[in-house]
Amino acid sequence: VLATAGSPGYSPPVSMEGANAARIEYIIFSISGTSTFYLEGSNDGENWFAIATYTTRSAVGSYTDASDGISYRYVRVKYQQATSGTTIFACGCYTTQL
């Protein structure tokens, strides 16, 4: 994924299928500026609500963030590049029942 300054980007929705926790794993291959990653939830796939804001990243590397106690039907990753720069990354979102 290529994130550029301006509007946020979003992953496709991931069904929770009865799960109550989600883990995001991402690898940042190239970054100039900073990127912030968020987890959002929805019960209808149309209206999205913030679940978590994760650490703003400014370095190449592999990262994992997780949230539990999720009661939404779907989750997705939101990513936002700072006011300048770009980030190239790969991301996966995994769900489980805790």
PDB file of N, CA and C in Angstrom:
ATOM      1  N   VAL A   1       0.856  -1.173   0.000  1.00  0.00           N
ATOM      2  CA  VAL A   1       0.000   0.000   0.000  1.00  0.00           C
ATOM      3  C   VAL A   1       0.899   1.232   0.000  1.00  0.00           C
ATOM      4  N   LEU A   2       0.514   2.243  -0.739  1.00  0.00           N
ATOM      5  CA  LEU A   2       1.211   3.520  -0.750  1.00  0.00           C
ATOM      6  C   LEU A   2       0.326   4.546  -0.066  1.00  0.00           C
ATOM      7  N   ALA A   3       0.784   5.071   1.060  1.00  0.00           N
ATOM      8  CA  ALA A   3       0.044   6.120   1.765  1.00  0.00           C
ATOM      9  C   ALA A   3       0.710   7.457   1.480  1.00  0.00           C
ATOM     10  N   THR A   4      -0.088   8.441   1.072  1.00  0.00           N
ATOM     11  CA  THR A   4       0.416   9.775   0.823  1.00  0.00           C
ATOM     12  C   THR A   4      -0.346  10.773   1.686  1.00  0.00           C
ATOM     13  N   ALA A   5       0.228  11.931   1.865  1.00  0.00           N
ATOM     14  CA  ALA A   5      -0.403  12.961   2.692  1.00  0.00           C
ATOM     15  C   ALA A   5      -1.762  13.334   2.129  1.00  0.00           C
ATOM     16  N   GLY A   6      -2.675  13.637   3.016  1.00  0.00           N
ATOM     17  CA  GLY A   6      -4.017  14.017   2.591  1.00  0.00           C
ATOM     18  C   GLY A   6      -5.057  13.132   3.238  1.00  0.00           C
ATOM     19  N   SER A   7      -5.964  12.610   2.441  1.00  0.00           N
ATOM     20  CA  SER A   7      -7.063  11.791   2.954  1.00  0.00           C
ATOM     21  C   SER A   7      -6.555  10.458   3.499  1.00  0.00           C
ATOM     22  N   PRO A   8      -7.222   9.917   4.519  1.00  0.00           N
ATOM     23  CA  PRO A   8      -6.831   8.600   5.042  1.00  0.00           C
ATOM     24  C   PRO A   8      -7.175   7.494   4.057  1.00  0.00           C
ATOM     25  N   GLY A   9      -6.546   6.335   4.250  1.00  0.00           N
ATOM     26  CA  GLY A   9      -6.851   5.149   3.457  1.00  0.00           C
ATOM     27  C   GLY A   9      -7.401   4.073   4.370  1.00  0.00           C
ATOM     28  N   TYR A  10      -8.022   3.065   3.776  1.00  0.00           N
ATOM     29  CA  TYR A  10      -8.683   2.018   4.553  1.00  0.00           C
ATOM     30  C   TYR A  10      -8.431   0.653   3.930  1.00  0.00           C
ATOM     31  N   SER A  11      -8.310  -0.361   4.784  1.00  0.00           N
ATOM     32  CA  SER A  11      -8.254  -1.742   4.306  1.00  0.00           C
ATOM     33  C   SER A  11      -9.671  -2.200   3.988  1.00  0.00           C
ATOM     34  N   PRO A  12      -9.813  -3.306   3.277  1.00  0.00           N
ATOM     35  CA  PRO A  12     -11.146  -3.898   3.142  1.00  0.00           C
ATOM     36  C   PRO A  12     -11.644  -4.354   4.514  1.00  0.00           C
ATOM     37  N   PRO A  13     -12.953  -4.409   4.727  1.00  0.00           N
ATOM     38  CA  PRO A  13     -13.483  -4.898   6.004  1.00  0.00           C
ATOM     39  C   PRO A  13     -13.120  -6.369   6.228  1.00  0.00           C
ATOM     40  N   VAL A  14     -12.896  -6.705   7.492  1.00  0.00           N
ATOM     41  CA  VAL A  14     -12.620  -8.086   7.903  1.00  0.00           C
ATOM     42  C   VAL A  14     -13.740  -8.509   8.844  1.00  0.00           C
ATOM     43  N   SER A  15     -14.385  -9.632   8.557  1.00  0.00           N
ATOM     44  CA  SER A  15     -15.464 -10.118   9.407  1.00  0.00           C
ATOM     45  C   SER A  15     -14.895 -10.636  10.725  1.00  0.00           C
ATOM     46  N   MET A  16     -15.533 -10.269  11.820  1.00  0.00           N
ATOM     47  CA  MET A  16     -15.115 -10.763  13.126  1.00  0.00           C
ATOM     48  C   MET A  16     -15.604 -12.195  13.357  1.00  0.00           C
ATOM     49  N   GLU A  17     -16.666 -12.634  12.673  1.00  0.00           N
ATOM     50  CA  GLU A  17     -17.180 -14.002  12.756  1.00  0.00           C
ATOM     51  C   GLU A  17     -17.173 -14.555  14.175  1.00  0.00           C
ATOM     52  N   GLY A  18     -17.692 -13.790  15.127  1.00  0.00           N
ATOM     53  CA  GLY A  18     -17.776 -14.229  16.510  1.00  0.00           C
ATOM     54  C   GLY A  18     -16.516 -13.994  17.320  1.00  0.00           C
ATOM     55  N   ALA A  19     -15.473 -13.474  16.718  1.00  0.00           N
ATOM     56  CA  ALA A  19     -14.236 -13.174  17.439  1.00  0.00           C
ATOM     57  C   ALA A  19     -14.412 -11.889  18.248  1.00  0.00           C
ATOM     58  N   ASN A  20     -13.544 -11.676  19.216  1.00  0.00           N
ATOM     59  CA  ASN A  20     -13.616 -10.443  20.011  1.00  0.00           C
ATOM     60  C   ASN A  20     -12.274  -9.736  20.119  1.00  0.00           C
ATOM     61  N   ALA A  21     -11.287 -10.164  19.320  1.00  0.00           N
ATOM     62  CA  ALA A  21      -9.969  -9.532  19.340  1.00  0.00           C
ATOM     63  C   ALA A  21      -9.417  -9.467  17.923  1.00  0.00           C
ATOM     64  N   ALA A  22      -8.606  -8.455  17.668  1.00  0.00           N
ATOM     65  CA  ALA A  22      -7.986  -8.291  16.354  1.00  0.00           C
ATOM     66  C   ALA A  22      -6.519  -7.912  16.529  1.00  0.00           C
ATOM     67  N   ARG A  23      -5.696  -8.425  15.626  1.00  0.00           N
ATOM     68  CA  ARG A  23      -4.265  -8.117  15.615  1.00  0.00           C
ATOM     69  C   ARG A  23      -3.912  -7.595  14.232  1.00  0.00           C
ATOM     70  N   ILE A  24      -3.174  -6.513  14.203  1.00  0.00           N
ATOM     71  CA  ILE A  24      -2.706  -5.940  12.945  1.00  0.00           C
ATOM     72  C   ILE A  24      -1.201  -6.138  12.879  1.00  0.00           C
ATOM     73  N   GLU A  25      -0.751  -6.746  11.799  1.00  0.00           N
ATOM     74  CA  GLU A  25       0.677  -6.898  11.552  1.00  0.00           C
ATOM     75  C   GLU A  25       1.007  -6.120  10.290  1.00  0.00           C
ATOM     76  N   TYR A  26       2.015  -5.283  10.375  1.00  0.00           N
ATOM     77  CA  TYR A  26       2.386  -4.526   9.188  1.00  0.00           C
ATOM     78  C   TYR A  26       3.885  -4.358   9.098  1.00  0.00           C
ATOM     79  N   ILE A  27       4.338  -4.281   7.866  1.00  0.00           N
ATOM     80  CA  ILE A  27       5.748  -4.072   7.565  1.00  0.00           C
ATOM     81  C   ILE A  27       5.853  -2.773   6.785  1.00  0.00           C
ATOM     82  N   ILE A  28       6.645  -1.871   7.291  1.00  0.00           N
ATOM     83  CA  ILE A  28       6.889  -0.610   6.588  1.00  0.00           C
ATOM     84  C   ILE A  28       8.197  -0.768   5.820  1.00  0.00           C
ATOM     85  N   PHE A  29       8.100  -0.663   4.502  1.00  0.00           N
ATOM     86  CA  PHE A  29       9.256  -0.832   3.626  1.00  0.00           C
ATOM     87  C   PHE A  29       9.984   0.478   3.379  1.00  0.00           C
ATOM     88  N   SER A  30       9.249   1.567   3.337  1.00  0.00           N
ATOM     89  CA  SER A  30       9.820   2.885   3.060  1.00  0.00           C
ATOM     90  C   SER A  30       8.925   3.929   3.725  1.00  0.00           C
ATOM     91  N   ILE A  31       9.549   4.930   4.335  1.00  0.00           N
ATOM     92  CA  ILE A  31       8.750   5.969   4.985  1.00  0.00           C
ATOM     93  C   ILE A  31       9.508   7.286   4.987  1.00  0.00           C
ATOM     94  N   SER A  32       8.782   8.338   4.667  1.00  0.00           N
ATOM     95  CA  SER A  32       9.272   9.702   4.862  1.00  0.00           C
ATOM     96  C   SER A  32       8.128  10.446   5.541  1.00  0.00           C
ATOM     97  N   GLY A  33       8.404  11.069   6.648  1.00  0.00           N
ATOM     98  CA  GLY A  33       7.343  11.638   7.471  1.00  0.00           C
ATOM     99  C   GLY A  33       6.887  10.589   8.468  1.00  0.00           C
ATOM    100  N   THR A  34       5.615  10.616   8.839  1.00  0.00           N
ATOM    101  CA  THR A  34       5.072   9.655   9.802  1.00  0.00           C
ATOM    102  C   THR A  34       3.717   9.141   9.323  1.00  0.00           C
ATOM    103  N   SER A  35       3.376   7.939   9.771  1.00  0.00           N
ATOM    104  CA  SER A  35       2.068   7.343   9.499  1.00  0.00           C
ATOM    105  C   SER A  35       1.471   6.851  10.804  1.00  0.00           C
ATOM    106  N   THR A  36       0.162   7.036  10.940  1.00  0.00           N
ATOM    107  CA  THR A  36      -0.553   6.533  12.109  1.00  0.00           C
ATOM    108  C   THR A  36      -1.557   5.497  11.634  1.00  0.00           C
ATOM    109  N   PHE A  37      -1.669   4.415  12.404  1.00  0.00           N
ATOM    110  CA  PHE A  37      -2.576   3.320  12.073  1.00  0.00           C
ATOM    111  C   PHE A  37      -3.665   3.242  13.132  1.00  0.00           C
ATOM    112  N   TYR A  38      -4.878   2.947  12.687  1.00  0.00           N
ATOM    113  CA  TYR A  38      -6.051   2.894  13.560  1.00  0.00           C
ATOM    114  C   TYR A  38      -6.806   1.600  13.293  1.00  0.00           C
ATOM    115  N   LEU A  39      -7.593   1.163  14.262  1.00  0.00           N
ATOM    116  CA  LEU A  39      -8.527   0.066  14.063  1.00  0.00           C
ATOM    117  C   LEU A  39      -9.926   0.626  14.219  1.00  0.00           C
ATOM    118  N   GLU A  40     -10.787   0.342  13.240  1.00  0.00           N
ATOM    119  CA  GLU A  40     -12.173   0.799  13.288  1.00  0.00           C
ATOM    120  C   GLU A  40     -13.115  -0.401  13.249  1.00  0.00           C
ATOM    121  N   GLY A  41     -14.321  -0.220  13.800  1.00  0.00           N
ATOM    122  CA  GLY A  41     -15.317  -1.275  13.818  1.00  0.00           C
ATOM    123  C   GLY A  41     -16.651  -0.801  13.260  1.00  0.00           C
ATOM    124  N   SER A  42     -17.435  -1.756  12.740  1.00  0.00           N
ATOM    125  CA  SER A  42     -18.747  -1.447  12.176  1.00  0.00           C
ATOM    126  C   SER A  42     -19.647  -2.674  12.315  1.00  0.00           C
ATOM    127  N   ASN A  43     -20.924  -2.433  12.490  1.00  0.00           N
ATOM    128  CA  ASN A  43     -21.895  -3.536  12.483  1.00  0.00           C
ATOM    129  C   ASN A  43     -22.618  -3.665  11.148  1.00  0.00           C
ATOM    130  N   ASP A  44     -22.522  -2.622  10.301  1.00  0.00           N
ATOM    131  CA  ASP A  44     -23.244  -2.658   9.025  1.00  0.00           C
ATOM    132  C   ASP A  44     -22.343  -2.462   7.801  1.00  0.00           C
ATOM    133  N   GLY A  45     -21.044  -2.243   8.000  1.00  0.00           N
ATOM    134  CA  GLY A  45     -20.132  -2.024   6.886  1.00  0.00           C
ATOM    135  C   GLY A  45     -20.218  -0.641   6.279  1.00  0.00           C
ATOM    136  N   GLU A  46     -21.069   0.221   6.824  1.00  0.00           N
ATOM    137  CA  GLU A  46     -21.252   1.581   6.318  1.00  0.00           C
ATOM    138  C   GLU A  46     -20.780   2.643   7.316  1.00  0.00           C
ATOM    139  N   ASN A  47     -21.151   2.465   8.556  1.00  0.00           N
ATOM    140  CA  ASN A  47     -20.829   3.422   9.618  1.00  0.00           C
ATOM    141  C   ASN A  47     -19.693   2.851  10.462  1.00  0.00           C
ATOM    142  N   TRP A  48     -18.558   3.568  10.497  1.00  0.00           N
ATOM    143  CA  TRP A  48     -17.347   3.074  11.151  1.00  0.00           C
ATOM    144  C   TRP A  48     -17.035   3.895  12.394  1.00  0.00           C
ATOM    145  N   PHE A  49     -16.556   3.209  13.428  1.00  0.00           N
ATOM    146  CA  PHE A  49     -16.270   3.831  14.725  1.00  0.00           C
ATOM    147  C   PHE A  49     -14.863   3.456  15.175  1.00  0.00           C
ATOM    148  N   ALA A  50     -14.191   4.398  15.829  1.00  0.00           N
ATOM    149  CA  ALA A  50     -12.824   4.177  16.309  1.00  0.00           C
ATOM    150  C   ALA A  50     -12.805   3.128  17.417  1.00  0.00           C
ATOM    151  N   ILE A  51     -11.919   2.161  17.287  1.00  0.00           N
ATOM    152  CA  ILE A  51     -11.659   1.190  18.349  1.00  0.00           C
ATOM    153  C   ILE A  51     -10.341   1.528  19.026  1.00  0.00           C
ATOM    154  N   ALA A  52      -9.306   1.797  18.225  1.00  0.00           N
ATOM    155  CA  ALA A  52      -7.982   2.076  18.785  1.00  0.00           C
ATOM    156  C   ALA A  52      -7.174   2.945  17.843  1.00  0.00           C
ATOM    157  N   THR A  53      -6.319   3.767  18.424  1.00  0.00           N
ATOM    158  CA  THR A  53      -5.296   4.510  17.700  1.00  0.00           C
ATOM    159  C   THR A  53      -3.961   3.951  18.147  1.00  0.00           C
ATOM    160  N   TYR A  54      -3.169   3.470  17.201  1.00  0.00           N
ATOM    161  CA  TYR A  54      -1.889   2.872  17.540  1.00  0.00           C
ATOM    162  C   TYR A  54      -0.768   3.883  17.390  1.00  0.00           C
ATOM    163  N   THR A  55       0.391   3.517  17.832  1.00  0.00           N
ATOM    164  CA  THR A  55       1.563   4.391  17.820  1.00  0.00           C
ATOM    165  C   THR A  55       1.832   4.919  16.413  1.00  0.00           C
ATOM    166  N   THR A  56       2.147   6.189  16.329  1.00  0.00           N
ATOM    167  CA  THR A  56       2.561   6.783  15.063  1.00  0.00           C
ATOM    168  C   THR A  56       3.935   6.237  14.713  1.00  0.00           C
ATOM    169  N   ARG A  57       4.104   5.781  13.496  1.00  0.00           N
ATOM    170  CA  ARG A  57       5.358   5.172  13.056  1.00  0.00           C
ATOM    171  C   ARG A  57       6.150   6.132  12.179  1.00  0.00           C
ATOM    172  N   SER A  58       7.482   6.084  12.354  1.00  0.00           N
ATOM    173  CA  SER A  58       8.351   6.950  11.556  1.00  0.00           C
ATOM    174  C   SER A  58       9.597   6.218  11.083  1.00  0.00           C
ATOM    175  N   ALA A  59       9.628   4.873  11.220  1.00  0.00           N
ATOM    176  CA  ALA A  59      10.807   4.107  10.835  1.00  0.00           C
ATOM    177  C   ALA A  59      10.404   2.836  10.097  1.00  0.00           C
ATOM    178  N   VAL A  60      11.277   2.388   9.212  1.00  0.00           N
ATOM    179  CA  VAL A  60      11.101   1.116   8.519  1.00  0.00           C
ATOM    180  C   VAL A  60      11.159   0.000   9.558  1.00  0.00           C
ATOM    181  N   GLY A  61      10.315  -1.035   9.399  1.00  0.00           N
ATOM    182  CA  GLY A  61      10.351  -2.157  10.322  1.00  0.00           C
ATOM    183  C   GLY A  61       9.062  -2.943  10.318  1.00  0.00           C
ATOM    184  N   SER A  62       9.022  -3.982  11.161  1.00  0.00           N
ATOM    185  CA  SER A  62       7.832  -4.822  11.339  1.00  0.00           C
ATOM    186  C   SER A  62       7.170  -4.460  12.657  1.00  0.00           C
ATOM    187  N   TYR A  63       5.843  -4.349  12.650  1.00  0.00           N
ATOM    188  CA  TYR A  63       5.102  -3.919  13.832  1.00  0.00           C
ATOM    189  C   TYR A  63       3.854  -4.774  14.015  1.00  0.00           C
ATOM    190  N   THR A  64       3.443  -4.936  15.262  1.00  0.00           N
ATOM    191  CA  THR A  64       2.216  -5.628  15.602  1.00  0.00           C
ATOM    192  C   THR A  64       1.457  -4.817  16.636  1.00  0.00           C
ATOM    193  N   ASP A  65       0.180  -4.623  16.421  1.00  0.00           N
ATOM    194  CA  ASP A  65      -0.701  -3.958  17.385  1.00  0.00           C
ATOM    195  C   ASP A  65      -1.932  -4.837  17.554  1.00  0.00           C
ATOM    196  N   ALA A  66      -2.549  -4.780  18.733  1.00  0.00           N
ATOM    197  CA  ALA A  66      -3.707  -5.637  18.990  1.00  0.00           C
ATOM    198  C   ALA A  66      -4.725  -4.925  19.870  1.00  0.00           C
ATOM    199  N   SER A  67      -5.971  -5.335  19.725  1.00  0.00           N
ATOM    200  CA  SER A  67      -7.073  -4.831  20.546  1.00  0.00           C
ATOM    201  C   SER A  67      -7.996  -5.992  20.860  1.00  0.00           C
ATOM    202  N   ASP A  68      -8.595  -5.976  22.071  1.00  0.00           N
ATOM    203  CA  ASP A  68      -9.568  -7.002  22.418  1.00  0.00           C
ATOM    204  C   ASP A  68     -10.835  -6.334  22.942  1.00  0.00           C
ATOM    205  N   GLY A  69     -11.817  -7.132  23.313  1.00  0.00           N
ATOM    206  CA  GLY A  69     -13.092  -6.592  23.767  1.00  0.00           C
ATOM    207  C   GLY A  69     -13.910  -5.978  22.640  1.00  0.00           C
ATOM    208  N   ILE A  70     -13.665  -6.419  21.420  1.00  0.00           N
ATOM    209  CA  ILE A  70     -14.341  -5.869  20.242  1.00  0.00           C
ATOM    210  C   ILE A  70     -15.711  -6.532  20.086  1.00  0.00           C
ATOM    211  N   SER A  71     -16.743  -5.720  19.945  1.00  0.00           N
ATOM    212  CA  SER A  71     -18.100  -6.256  19.798  1.00  0.00           C
ATOM    213  C   SER A  71     -18.720  -5.912  18.441  1.00  0.00           C
ATOM    214  N   TYR A  72     -17.918  -5.425  17.512  1.00  0.00           N
ATOM    215  CA  TYR A  72     -18.420  -5.100  16.174  1.00  0.00           C
ATOM    216  C   TYR A  72     -18.402  -6.327  15.266  1.00  0.00           C
ATOM    217  N   ARG A  73     -19.214  -6.290  14.226  1.00  0.00           N
ATOM    218  CA  ARG A  73     -19.298  -7.376  13.248  1.00  0.00           C
ATOM    219  C   ARG A  73     -18.109  -7.360  12.283  1.00  0.00           C
ATOM    220  N   TYR A  74     -17.602  -6.150  11.983  1.00  0.00           N
ATOM    221  CA  TYR A  74     -16.477  -5.987  11.063  1.00  0.00           C
ATOM    222  C   TYR A  74     -15.429  -5.071  11.678  1.00  0.00           C
ATOM    223  N   VAL A  75     -14.183  -5.251  11.256  1.00  0.00           N
ATOM    224  CA  VAL A  75     -13.115  -4.317  11.583  1.00  0.00           C
ATOM    225  C   VAL A  75     -12.381  -3.963  10.297  1.00  0.00           C
ATOM    226  N   ARG A  76     -11.681  -2.844  10.330  1.00  0.00           N
ATOM    227  CA  ARG A  76     -10.805  -2.470   9.218  1.00  0.00           C
ATOM    228  C   ARG A  76      -9.670  -1.626   9.775  1.00  0.00           C
ATOM    229  N   VAL A  77      -8.608  -1.545   8.998  1.00  0.00           N
ATOM    230  CA  VAL A  77      -7.463  -0.716   9.353  1.00  0.00           C
ATOM    231  C   VAL A  77      -7.597   0.613   8.620  1.00  0.00           C
ATOM    232  N   LYS A  78      -7.420   1.682   9.348  1.00  0.00           N
ATOM    233  CA  LYS A  78      -7.356   3.025   8.757  1.00  0.00           C
ATOM    234  C   LYS A  78      -5.907   3.473   8.882  1.00  0.00           C
ATOM    235  N   TYR A  79      -5.378   4.084   7.841  1.00  0.00           N
ATOM    236  CA  TYR A  79      -4.015   4.609   7.903  1.00  0.00           C
ATOM    237  C   TYR A  79      -4.007   6.043   7.411  1.00  0.00           C
ATOM    238  N   GLN A  80      -3.191   6.839   8.067  1.00  0.00           N
ATOM    239  CA  GLN A  80      -3.147   8.271   7.770  1.00  0.00           C
ATOM    240  C   GLN A  80      -1.698   8.723   7.718  1.00  0.00           C
ATOM    241  N   GLN A  81      -1.300   9.245   6.586  1.00  0.00           N
ATOM    242  CA  GLN A  81       0.032   9.826   6.440  1.00  0.00           C
ATOM    243  C   GLN A  81      -0.006  11.240   6.994  1.00  0.00           C
ATOM    244  N   ALA A  82       1.087  11.655   7.622  1.00  0.00           N
ATOM    245  CA  ALA A  82       1.180  13.024   8.140  1.00  0.00           C
ATOM    246  C   ALA A  82       1.045  14.025   6.990  1.00  0.00           C
ATOM    247  N   THR A  83       1.200  15.285   7.297  1.00  0.00           N
ATOM    248  CA  THR A  83       0.953  16.348   6.319  1.00  0.00           C
ATOM    249  C   THR A  83       1.895  16.319   5.127  1.00  0.00           C
ATOM    250  N   SER A  84       3.000  15.581   5.206  1.00  0.00           N
ATOM    251  CA  SER A  84       3.892  15.455   4.057  1.00  0.00           C
ATOM    252  C   SER A  84       4.536  14.073   4.083  1.00  0.00           C
ATOM    253  N   GLY A  85       5.119  13.672   2.952  1.00  0.00           N
ATOM    254  CA  GLY A  85       5.814  12.401   2.875  1.00  0.00           C
ATOM    255  C   GLY A  85       4.943  11.274   2.363  1.00  0.00           C
ATOM    256  N   THR A  86       5.548  10.089   2.281  1.00  0.00           N
ATOM    257  CA  THR A  86       4.854   8.886   1.837  1.00  0.00           C
ATOM    258  C   THR A  86       5.322   7.688   2.664  1.00  0.00           C
ATOM    259  N   THR A  87       4.485   6.670   2.702  1.00  0.00           N
ATOM    260  CA  THR A  87       4.829   5.405   3.355  1.00  0.00           C
ATOM    261  C   THR A  87       4.410   4.266   2.439  1.00  0.00           C
ATOM    262  N   ILE A  88       5.298   3.299   2.272  1.00  0.00           N
ATOM    263  CA  ILE A  88       4.986   2.077   1.534  1.00  0.00           C
ATOM    264  C   ILE A  88       4.993   0.947   2.552  1.00  0.00           C
ATOM    265  N   PHE A  89       3.868   0.220   2.647  1.00  0.00           N
ATOM    266  CA  PHE A  89       3.767  -0.823   3.661  1.00  0.00           C
ATOM    267  C   PHE A  89       2.850  -1.952   3.200  1.00  0.00           C
ATOM    268  N   ALA A  90       2.958  -3.087   3.873  1.00  0.00           N
ATOM    269  CA  ALA A  90       2.042  -4.223   3.716  1.00  0.00           C
ATOM    270  C   ALA A  90       1.392  -4.448   5.071  1.00  0.00           C
ATOM    271  N   CYS A  91       0.126  -4.862   5.064  1.00  0.00           N
ATOM    272  CA  CYS A  91      -0.619  -4.963   6.309  1.00  0.00           C
ATOM    273  C   CYS A  91      -1.552  -6.162   6.274  1.00  0.00           C
ATOM    274  N   GLY A  92      -1.700  -6.832   7.420  1.00  0.00           N
ATOM    275  CA  GLY A  92      -2.664  -7.912   7.569  1.00  0.00           C
ATOM    276  C   GLY A  92      -3.436  -7.726   8.856  1.00  0.00           C
ATOM    277  N   CYS A  93      -4.710  -8.091   8.857  1.00  0.00           N
ATOM    278  CA  CYS A  93      -5.563  -7.986  10.032  1.00  0.00           C
ATOM    279  C   CYS A  93      -6.119  -9.373  10.340  1.00  0.00           C
ATOM    280  N   TYR A  94      -5.903  -9.844  11.570  1.00  0.00           N
ATOM    281  CA  TYR A  94      -6.288 -11.186  11.977  1.00  0.00           C
ATOM    282  C   TYR A  94      -7.211 -11.114  13.182  1.00  0.00           C
ATOM    283  N   THR A  95      -8.187 -12.007  13.258  1.00  0.00           N
ATOM    284  CA  THR A  95      -9.142 -11.987  14.368  1.00  0.00           C
ATOM    285  C   THR A  95      -9.078 -13.306  15.127  1.00  0.00           C
ATOM    286  N   THR A  96      -9.489 -13.256  16.412  1.00  0.00           N
ATOM    287  CA  THR A  96      -9.537 -14.452  17.253  1.00  0.00           C
ATOM    288  C   THR A  96     -10.517 -14.246  18.392  1.00  0.00           C
ATOM    289  N   GLN A  97     -10.896 -15.333  19.020  1.00  0.00           N
ATOM    290  CA  GLN A  97     -11.747 -15.281  20.210  1.00  0.00           C
ATOM    291  C   GLN A  97     -10.864 -15.472  21.439  1.00  0.00           C
ATOM    292  N   LEU A  98     -10.900 -14.515  22.346  1.00  0.00           N
ATOM    293  CA  LEU A  98     -10.126 -14.630  23.593  1.00  0.00           C
ATOM    294  C   LEU A  98     -11.030 -15.001  24.745  1.00  0.00           C
TER     295      LEU A  98
END
